[in-house]
C-alpha atoms as a PDB file:
ATOM      1  CA  MET A   1      11.146 -19.157  22.977  1.00  0.00           C
ATOM      2  CA  ARG A   2       8.054 -16.944  22.828  1.00  0.00           C
ATOM      3  CA  HIS A   3       8.606 -14.876  19.681  1.00  0.00           C
ATOM      4  CA  LEU A   4       6.361 -12.593  17.637  1.00  0.00           C
ATOM      5  CA  ASP A   5       6.989 -10.702  14.429  1.00  0.00           C
ATOM      6  CA  PHE A   6       5.570  -7.282  13.555  1.00  0.00           C
ATOM      7  CA  THR A   7       5.414  -5.463  10.233  1.00  0.00           C
ATOM      8  CA  ILE A   8       5.233  -1.665  10.195  1.00  0.00           C
ATOM      9  CA  ASP A   9       4.163   0.427   7.227  1.00  0.00           C
ATOM     10  CA  PHE A  10       3.929   4.193   6.791  1.00  0.00           C
ATOM     11  CA  GLU A  11       2.005   6.047   4.107  1.00  0.00           C
ATOM     12  CA  THR A  12       3.692   9.399   3.603  1.00  0.00           C
ATOM     13  CA  VAL A  13       3.878  12.441   1.355  1.00  0.00           C
ATOM     14  CA  GLY A  14       7.531  11.892   0.524  1.00  0.00           C
ATOM     15  CA  LEU A  15      10.292   9.293   0.441  1.00  0.00           C
ATOM     16  CA  THR A  16      12.878  10.902   2.720  1.00  0.00           C
ATOM     17  CA  ALA A  17      13.355  10.092   6.387  1.00  0.00           C
ATOM     18  CA  ASN A  18      11.699  13.423   7.240  1.00  0.00           C
ATOM     19  CA  ALA A  19       8.639  12.790   5.038  1.00  0.00           C
ATOM     20  CA  ALA A  20       5.307  13.709   6.622  1.00  0.00           C
ATOM     21  CA  PRO A  21       3.432  10.515   7.576  1.00  0.00           C
ATOM     22  CA  MET A  22      -0.294  10.247   6.905  1.00  0.00           C
ATOM     23  CA  MET A  23      -0.976   6.764   8.229  1.00  0.00           C
ATOM     24  CA  VAL A  24       0.860   4.010  10.070  1.00  0.00           C
ATOM     25  CA  ALA A  25      -0.091   0.377  10.577  1.00  0.00           C
ATOM     26  CA  VAL A  26       1.536  -2.310  12.719  1.00  0.00           C
ATOM     27  CA  VAL A  27       0.571  -5.925  12.024  1.00  0.00           C
ATOM     28  CA  PRO A  28       1.582  -8.833  14.286  1.00  0.00           C
ATOM     29  CA  TRP A  29       2.176 -12.228  12.705  1.00  0.00           C
ATOM     30  CA  PHE A  30       3.382 -15.709  13.632  1.00  0.00           C
ATOM     31  CA  ARG A  31       6.292 -17.064  11.597  1.00  0.00           C
ATOM     32  CA  ASP A  32       5.705 -20.653  12.799  1.00  0.00           C
ATOM     33  CA  ALA A  33       2.064 -20.709  11.678  1.00  0.00           C
ATOM     34  CA  LYS A  34       1.237 -23.725   9.524  1.00  0.00           C
ATOM     35  CA  VAL A  35      -1.488 -22.178   7.381  1.00  0.00           C
ATOM     36  CA  ASP A  36      -1.942 -18.515   8.211  1.00  0.00           C
ATOM     37  CA  PRO A  37       0.491 -16.187  10.048  1.00  0.00           C
ATOM     38  CA  LEU A  38      -2.063 -13.426  10.599  1.00  0.00           C
ATOM     39  CA  MET A  39      -4.267 -15.382  12.997  1.00  0.00           C
ATOM     40  CA  TYR A  40      -3.558 -16.230  16.628  1.00  0.00           C
ATOM     41  CA  ASN A  41      -3.159 -20.024  17.091  1.00  0.00           C
ATOM     42  CA  VAL A  42      -5.897 -20.876  14.573  1.00  0.00           C
ATOM     43  CA  SER A  43      -6.343 -20.070  10.923  1.00  0.00           C
ATOM     44  CA  CYS A  44      -8.791 -19.096   8.273  1.00  0.00           C
ATOM     45  CA  VAL A  45     -10.951 -22.116   7.385  1.00  0.00           C
ATOM     46  CA  ILE A  46     -10.568 -23.643   3.932  1.00  0.00           C
ATOM     47  CA  ASP A  47     -13.771 -25.245   2.678  1.00  0.00           C
ATOM     48  CA  GLU A  48     -14.148 -28.199   0.307  1.00  0.00           C
ATOM     49  CA  GLU A  49     -13.858 -25.935  -2.714  1.00  0.00           C
ATOM     50  CA  GLY A  50     -10.609 -24.469  -1.484  1.00  0.00           C
ATOM     51  CA  THR A  51     -12.139 -21.135  -0.519  1.00  0.00           C
ATOM     52  CA  ARG A  52     -10.625 -19.437   2.501  1.00  0.00           C
ATOM     53  CA  THR A  53     -13.227 -18.074   4.920  1.00  0.00           C
ATOM     54  CA  MET A  54     -13.310 -16.728   8.463  1.00  0.00           C
ATOM     55  CA  GLU A  55     -15.319 -18.046  11.417  1.00  0.00           C
ATOM     56  CA  GLN A  56     -16.634 -16.063  14.382  1.00  0.00           C
ATOM     57  CA  ASN A  57     -14.754 -18.149  16.929  1.00  0.00           C
ATOM     58  CA  ILE A  58     -11.368 -17.389  15.403  1.00  0.00           C
ATOM     59  CA  ASN A  59      -9.180 -15.307  17.692  1.00  0.00           C
ATOM     60  CA  TRP A  60      -8.087 -12.415  15.473  1.00  0.00           C
ATOM     61  CA  VAL A  61      -5.202 -10.282  16.700  1.00  0.00           C
ATOM     62  CA  GLU A  62      -6.203  -6.704  15.957  1.00  0.00           C
ATOM     63  CA  PRO A  63      -3.495  -4.678  14.197  1.00  0.00           C
ATOM     64  CA  TYR A  64      -2.636  -1.087  15.077  1.00  0.00           C
ATOM     65  CA  ILE A  65      -3.809   1.675  12.744  1.00  0.00           C
ATOM     66  CA  GLY A  66      -3.103   5.374  13.264  1.00  0.00           C
ATOM     67  CA  TYR A  67      -4.054   8.393  11.164  1.00  0.00           C
ATOM     68  CA  VAL A  68      -1.978  11.565  11.346  1.00  0.00           C
ATOM     69  CA  ASP A  69      -3.204  15.143  11.488  1.00  0.00           C
ATOM     70  CA  LEU A  70      -1.002  16.615   8.751  1.00  0.00           C
ATOM     71  CA  ARG A  71      -1.258  20.058  10.308  1.00  0.00           C
ATOM     72  CA  THR A  72       1.019  18.813  13.087  1.00  0.00           C
ATOM     73  CA  CYS A  73       3.502  17.678  10.440  1.00  0.00           C
ATOM     74  CA  VAL A  74       3.569  21.192   8.981  1.00  0.00           C
ATOM     75  CA  VAL A  75       4.115  22.796  12.383  1.00  0.00           C
ATOM     76  CA  ASP A  76       6.828  20.310  13.355  1.00  0.00           C
ATOM     77  CA  GLY A  77       8.831  20.663  10.154  1.00  0.00           C
ATOM     78  CA  PHE A  78       8.191  17.453   8.241  1.00  0.00           C
ATOM     79  CA  ASP A  79       8.777  17.389   4.466  1.00  0.00           C
ATOM     80  CA  PHE A  80       6.023  17.461   1.850  1.00  0.00           C
ATOM     81  CA  ASP A  81       7.427  16.368  -1.498  1.00  0.00           C
ATOM     82  CA  PRO A  82       5.527  18.107  -4.356  1.00  0.00           C
ATOM     83  CA  LYS A  83       5.832  15.075  -6.664  1.00  0.00           C
ATOM     84  CA  THR A  84       4.457  12.743  -3.999  1.00  0.00           C
ATOM     85  CA  VAL A  85       1.630  15.174  -3.208  1.00  0.00           C
ATOM     86  CA  GLN A  86       0.745  15.220  -6.915  1.00  0.00           C
ATOM     87  CA  TRP A  87       0.973  11.422  -7.038  1.00  0.00           C
ATOM     88  CA  TRP A  88      -1.559  11.149  -4.215  1.00  0.00           C
ATOM     89  CA  ALA A  89      -3.803  13.694  -5.941  1.00  0.00           C
ATOM     90  CA  GLU A  90      -3.974  11.364  -8.950  1.00  0.00           C
ATOM     91  CA  ARG A  91      -4.931   8.276  -6.923  1.00  0.00           C
ATOM     92  CA  SER A  92      -8.466   6.901  -6.866  1.00  0.00           C
ATOM     93  CA  GLU A  93     -10.968   8.197  -4.336  1.00  0.00           C
ATOM     94  CA  SER A  94     -10.890   4.851  -2.510  1.00  0.00           C
ATOM     95  CA  ALA A  95      -7.095   5.061  -2.228  1.00  0.00           C
ATOM     96  CA  LYS A  96      -7.331   8.563  -0.783  1.00  0.00           C
ATOM     97  CA  GLN A  97     -10.042   7.559   1.664  1.00  0.00           C
ATOM     98  CA  ALA A  98      -7.971   4.602   2.879  1.00  0.00           C
ATOM     99  CA  VAL A  99      -5.354   6.932   4.380  1.00  0.00           C
ATOM    100  CA  THR A 100      -7.751   9.630   5.632  1.00  0.00           C
ATOM    101  CA  LYS A 101     -10.865   7.789   6.853  1.00  0.00           C
ATOM    102  CA  GLY A 102      -9.847   7.429  10.513  1.00  0.00           C
ATOM    103  CA  GLN A 103      -9.770   9.904  13.370  1.00  0.00           C
ATOM    104  CA  VAL A 104      -6.585  11.918  12.990  1.00  0.00           C
ATOM    105  CA  LYS A 105      -4.179  12.628  15.841  1.00  0.00           C
ATOM    106  CA  PRO A 106      -0.878  14.526  16.187  1.00  0.00           C
ATOM    107  CA  VAL A 107       1.958  12.598  14.619  1.00  0.00           C
ATOM    108  CA  GLN A 108       3.683  12.174  17.979  1.00  0.00           C
ATOM    109  CA  ASP A 109       0.566  10.584  19.504  1.00  0.00           C
ATOM    110  CA  VAL A 110       0.207   8.206  16.564  1.00  0.00           C
ATOM    111  CA  LEU A 111       3.799   7.021  16.864  1.00  0.00           C
ATOM    112  CA  VAL A 112       3.614   6.665  20.648  1.00  0.00           C
ATOM    113  CA  GLY A 113       0.424   4.643  20.167  1.00  0.00           C
ATOM    114  CA  ALA A 114       2.201   2.281  17.757  1.00  0.00           C
ATOM    115  CA  LEU A 115       5.038   1.649  20.201  1.00  0.00           C
ATOM    116  CA  GLU A 116       2.622   1.203  23.110  1.00  0.00           C
ATOM    117  CA  TYR A 117       0.773  -1.361  20.994  1.00  0.00           C
ATOM    118  CA  ILE A 118       3.975  -3.372  20.540  1.00  0.00           C
ATOM    119  CA  ARG A 119       4.818  -3.021  24.236  1.00  0.00           C
ATOM    120  CA  ASP A 120       1.353  -4.233  25.261  1.00  0.00           C
ATOM    121  CA  MET A 121       1.655  -7.271  22.983  1.00  0.00           C
ATOM    122  CA  VAL A 122       5.052  -8.132  24.454  1.00  0.00           C
ATOM    123  CA  GLN A 123       3.660  -7.957  27.975  1.00  0.00           C
ATOM    124  CA  SER A 124       0.312  -9.669  27.398  1.00  0.00           C
ATOM    125  CA  LEU A 125       1.838 -12.580  25.440  1.00  0.00           C
ATOM    126  CA  ARG A 126       4.944 -12.701  27.661  1.00  0.00           C
ATOM    127  CA  LEU A 127       7.184 -12.518  24.628  1.00  0.00           C
ATOM    128  CA  GLU A 128      10.895 -13.155  24.932  1.00  0.00           C
ATOM    129  CA  SER A 129      11.812 -11.650  21.569  1.00  0.00           C
ATOM    130  CA  ILE A 130      10.308  -9.711  18.654  1.00  0.00           C
ATOM    131  CA  CYS A 131      11.340  -8.590  15.181  1.00  0.00           C
ATOM    132  CA  LEU A 132      10.117  -5.473  13.391  1.00  0.00           C
ATOM    133  CA  TRP A 133       9.836  -5.910   9.620  1.00  0.00           C
ATOM    134  CA  CYS A 134       9.369  -3.374   6.826  1.00  0.00           C
ATOM    135  CA  GLN A 135       9.762  -3.140   3.060  1.00  0.00           C
ATOM    136  CA  GLY A 136      13.376  -1.995   2.732  1.00  0.00           C
ATOM    137  CA  MET A 137      15.462  -0.447   5.490  1.00  0.00           C
ATOM    138  CA  ASP A 138      15.796   3.004   3.920  1.00  0.00           C
ATOM    139  CA  VAL A 139      12.173   4.202   4.138  1.00  0.00           C
ATOM    140  CA  ASP A 140       9.894   2.998   6.945  1.00  0.00           C
ATOM    141  CA  ILE A 141      12.612   2.384   9.522  1.00  0.00           C
ATOM    142  CA  ALA A 142      14.304   5.665   8.600  1.00  0.00           C
ATOM    143  CA  ILE A 143      10.983   7.489   9.030  1.00  0.00           C
ATOM    144  CA  LEU A 144      10.380   5.711  12.338  1.00  0.00           C
ATOM    145  CA  ARG A 145      13.811   6.666  13.649  1.00  0.00           C
ATOM    146  CA  ASN A 146      13.367  10.275  12.525  1.00  0.00           C
ATOM    147  CA  ILE A 147      10.016  10.662  14.306  1.00  0.00           C
ATOM    148  CA  CYS A 148      11.481   9.174  17.479  1.00  0.00           C
ATOM    149  CA  TYR A 149      14.467  11.534  17.269  1.00  0.00           C
ATOM    150  CA  LYS A 150      12.244  14.549  16.628  1.00  0.00           C
ATOM    151  CA  TYR A 151      10.107  13.894  19.708  1.00  0.00           C
ATOM    152  CA  ASP A 152      12.830  12.423  21.924  1.00  0.00           C
ATOM    153  CA  ILE A 153      11.199   8.968  21.990  1.00  0.00           C
ATOM    154  CA  GLU A 154      13.501   6.109  23.012  1.00  0.00           C
ATOM    155  CA  LEU A 155      12.842   3.516  20.312  1.00  0.00           C
ATOM    156  CA  GLU A 156      15.418   1.107  21.734  1.00  0.00           C
ATOM    157  CA  ASP A 157      13.238   0.573  24.808  1.00  0.00           C
ATOM    158  CA  ASP A 158      10.562  -1.143  22.707  1.00  0.00           C
ATOM    159  CA  VAL A 159      12.398  -2.416  19.632  1.00  0.00           C
ATOM    160  CA  PRO A 160      16.155  -3.089  19.869  1.00  0.00           C
ATOM    161  CA  HIS A 161      17.983  -1.931  16.739  1.00  0.00           C
ATOM    162  CA  THR A 162      19.296  -5.479  16.250  1.00  0.00           C
ATOM    163  CA  GLN A 163      15.730  -6.678  15.689  1.00  0.00           C
ATOM    164  CA  PHE A 164      14.915  -4.650  12.554  1.00  0.00           C
ATOM    165  CA  ARG A 165      14.332  -6.855   9.494  1.00  0.00           C
ATOM    166  CA  ASP A 166      13.931  -6.196   5.752  1.00  0.00           C
ATOM    167  CA  SER A 167      10.995  -8.024   4.137  1.00  0.00           C
ATOM    168  CA  ARG A 168      11.879  -7.076   0.571  1.00  0.00           C
ATOM    169  CA  THR A 169      15.229  -8.867   0.705  1.00  0.00           C
ATOM    170  CA  ILE A 170      13.842 -11.988   2.390  1.00  0.00           C
ATOM    171  CA  ILE A 171      10.956 -12.231  -0.090  1.00  0.00           C
ATOM    172  CA  LEU A 172      13.322 -11.929  -3.038  1.00  0.00           C
ATOM    173  CA  GLU A 173      15.776 -14.457  -1.623  1.00  0.00           C
ATOM    174  CA  GLY A 174      13.027 -16.942  -0.799  1.00  0.00           C
ATOM    175  CA  ALA A 175      11.486 -16.563  -4.234  1.00  0.00           C
ATOM    176  CA  MET A 176      14.874 -16.994  -5.882  1.00  0.00           C
ATOM    177  CA  VAL A 177      15.445 -20.253  -4.019  1.00  0.00           C
ATOM    178  CA  GLN A 178      12.120 -21.593  -5.241  1.00  0.00           C
ATOM    179  CA  ALA A 179      12.668 -20.262  -8.753  1.00  0.00           C
ATOM    180  CA  MET A 180      16.124 -21.840  -8.970  1.00  0.00           C
ATOM    181  CA  GLN A 181      14.720 -25.178  -7.814  1.00  0.00           C
ATOM    182  CA  MET A 182      11.996 -25.002 -10.444  1.00  0.00           C
ATOM    183  CA  HIS A 183      14.567 -23.924 -13.042  1.00  0.00           C
ATOM    184  CA  LYS A 184      16.804 -26.866 -12.154  1.00  0.00           C
ATOM    185  CA  LYS A 185      13.951 -29.317 -12.592  1.00  0.00           C
ATOM    186  CA  ALA A 186      13.038 -27.699 -15.900  1.00  0.00           C
ATOM    187  CA  THR A 187      16.593 -27.898 -17.270  1.00  0.00           C
ATOM    188  CA  GLU A 188      16.856 -31.548 -16.226  1.00  0.00           C
ATOM    189  CA  LYS A 189      13.765 -32.252 -18.302  1.00  0.00           C
ATOM    190  CA  TYR A 190      14.625 -29.796 -21.082  1.00  0.00           C
ATOM    191  CA  PRO A 191      18.449 -29.598 -21.425  1.00  0.00           C
ATOM    192  CA  GLU A 192      18.136 -26.860 -24.046  1.00  0.00           C
ATOM    193  CA  LEU A 193      17.149 -24.467 -21.234  1.00  0.00           C
ATOM    194  CA  ALA A 194      20.479 -24.934 -19.437  1.00  0.00           C
ATOM    195  CA  GLY A 195      22.477 -21.734 -19.076  1.00  0.00           C
ATOM    196  CA  GLY A 196      19.439 -19.480 -19.003  1.00  0.00           C
ATOM    197  CA  SER A 197      18.606 -17.568 -15.832  1.00  0.00           C
ATOM    198  CA  PRO A 198      15.125 -17.709 -14.309  1.00  0.00           C
ATOM    199  CA  ARG A 199      13.029 -14.642 -14.971  1.00  0.00           C
ATOM    200  CA  ILE A 200      12.958 -13.672 -11.311  1.00  0.00           C
ATOM    201  CA  LEU A 201      16.675 -12.838 -11.434  1.00  0.00           C
ATOM    202  CA  ARG A 202      15.962 -10.243 -14.100  1.00  0.00           C
ATOM    203  CA  GLU A 203      12.641  -8.946 -12.758  1.00  0.00           C
ATOM    204  CA  PRO A 204      12.582  -8.794  -8.921  1.00  0.00           C
ATOM    205  CA  ASP A 205       8.872  -7.880  -8.871  1.00  0.00           C
ATOM    206  CA  MET A 206       8.235 -11.427 -10.086  1.00  0.00           C
ATOM    207  CA  ALA A 207       9.170 -12.600  -6.570  1.00  0.00           C
ATOM    208  CA  TYR A 208       5.609 -12.018  -5.387  1.00  0.00           C
ATOM    209  CA  LYS A 209       4.233 -14.252  -8.155  1.00  0.00           C
ATOM    210  CA  VAL A 210       6.161 -17.248  -6.847  1.00  0.00           C
ATOM    211  CA  PHE A 211       4.153 -17.344  -3.609  1.00  0.00           C
ATOM    212  CA  ASP A 212       0.438 -17.612  -2.852  1.00  0.00           C
ATOM    213  CA  PRO A 213      -1.344 -14.228  -2.853  1.00  0.00           C
ATOM    214  CA  LEU A 214      -2.794 -12.602   0.260  1.00  0.00           C
ATOM    215  CA  PRO A 215      -6.153 -14.311   0.955  1.00  0.00           C
ATOM    216  CA  SER A 216      -9.218 -12.380  -0.134  1.00  0.00           C
ATOM    217  CA  CYS A 217     -10.604 -12.354   3.435  1.00  0.00           C
ATOM    218  CA  TYR A 218      -7.808  -9.883   4.264  1.00  0.00           C
ATOM    219  CA  ALA A 219      -7.587  -8.054   0.965  1.00  0.00           C
ATOM    220  CA  ALA A 220     -11.319  -7.369   0.574  1.00  0.00           C
ATOM    221  CA  GLY A 221     -11.992  -3.644   0.243  1.00  0.00           C
ATOM    222  CA  SER A 222      -8.297  -2.774   0.404  1.00  0.00           C
ATOM    223  CA  GLU A 223      -5.709  -1.772  -2.123  1.00  0.00           C
ATOM    224  CA  ALA A 224      -2.038  -0.906  -2.373  1.00  0.00           C
ATOM    225  CA  HIS A 225      -0.905   2.191  -0.453  1.00  0.00           C
ATOM    226  CA  ASP A 226      -3.296   1.529   2.391  1.00  0.00           C
ATOM    227  CA  ALA A 227      -0.821   1.035   5.256  1.00  0.00           C
ATOM    228  CA  LEU A 228      -2.848  -1.789   6.801  1.00  0.00           C
ATOM    229  CA  TYR A 229      -3.185  -3.668   3.513  1.00  0.00           C
ATOM    230  CA  ASP A 230       0.506  -3.167   2.672  1.00  0.00           C
ATOM    231  CA  ALA A 231       1.593  -4.371   6.122  1.00  0.00           C
ATOM    232  CA  MET A 232      -0.623  -7.483   5.952  1.00  0.00           C
ATOM    233  CA  ARG A 233       0.536  -8.255   2.414  1.00  0.00           C
ATOM    234  CA  SER A 234       4.188  -7.829   3.367  1.00  0.00           C
ATOM    235  CA  SER A 235       3.717 -10.042   6.447  1.00  0.00           C
ATOM    236  CA  TRP A 236       2.014 -12.730   4.370  1.00  0.00           C
ATOM    237  CA  TYR A 237       4.808 -12.904   1.780  1.00  0.00           C
ATOM    238  CA  THR A 238       7.592 -12.661   4.372  1.00  0.00           C
ATOM    239  CA  TRP A 239       6.093 -15.640   6.205  1.00  0.00           C
ATOM    240  CA  GLN A 240       6.074 -17.689   2.995  1.00  0.00           C
ATOM    241  CA  ALA A 241       9.634 -16.643   2.141  1.00  0.00           C
ATOM    242  CA  LEU A 242      10.890 -17.690   5.577  1.00  0.00           C
ATOM    243  CA  LYS A 243       9.212 -21.074   5.167  1.00  0.00           C
ATOM    244  CA  SER A 244      10.883 -21.555   1.778  1.00  0.00           C
ATOM    245  CA  LEU A 245      14.322 -20.873   3.254  1.00  0.00           C
ATOM    246  CA  ARG A 246      13.996 -23.511   5.958  1.00  0.00           C
ATOM    247  CA  PRO A 247      15.851 -26.791   5.312  1.00  0.00           C
END
C-alpha cells in the first residue's frame, strides 16, 4: 500500500483551539525508511567518520511552510493570550525571526495552502493512505479543526478524522519499551537494581534521550518553536519510536 505520513505544527500566541497562529509547517516523512524518514527513497550520506551529510543528487521532499498575517487573526476573532505574547517577547531574536521571516498571508490562505500541499502529495505520489501526526491531540489538531470550522473548510476531504495520530504518545511508548528492555538487562546483571523503575517512567521528557537526535543537516540554523524545526524533529522521533515498537 502506498502510504505517507505527515507531521503538522503550529506556532501560536496561545494554547487554546482558538489561538492565533503565526506559522504552520507540514513535513512529509516515510515510516518504512531504513536510515532517514525525511528523504524520498534515498538518505543522507554517512561518511567514514560517521558524519551525516547531504548530496546534491538526493531527492529532497520540500515541506510546506506558511506565515500568517496576524492582522487577519485580529479581524477574524482569534485569541491572543497575554502570557504567551509575553513569552514570545522574551525569546531570542533568532526565535522571533524564525516565525516572522517569511511572506505573510491571511490565516485562511495559509491553512488552505497546507491542505492543498497534502492533496498534491497524495495525487502526485498516488497515495492510498496518509496519517497526520502532531504533538498531542489537544493543541495542533484542535487549532486545525477550529480554523477549518471558522472558514467553512472541509478537513475530512483531505485528512479523514480516523487518520489523526499523536506523536507524543508514540514516542513515549517506544522509549519506554526500549528503556524497559535496557532495565531488564541491567537488573539481570545487577540484581540489586530489581524493583526500581527506569527513569523514563518518572520523567517523560527523557523519552527523547533514548533515541538518536535529529541530524545536524536538518537542525542547522533552527531551534525549538520554529514550526518547521519542531515538525521535522517530531517526525524524526516518531519514526524511531515506530521502529522500536515493531516485533
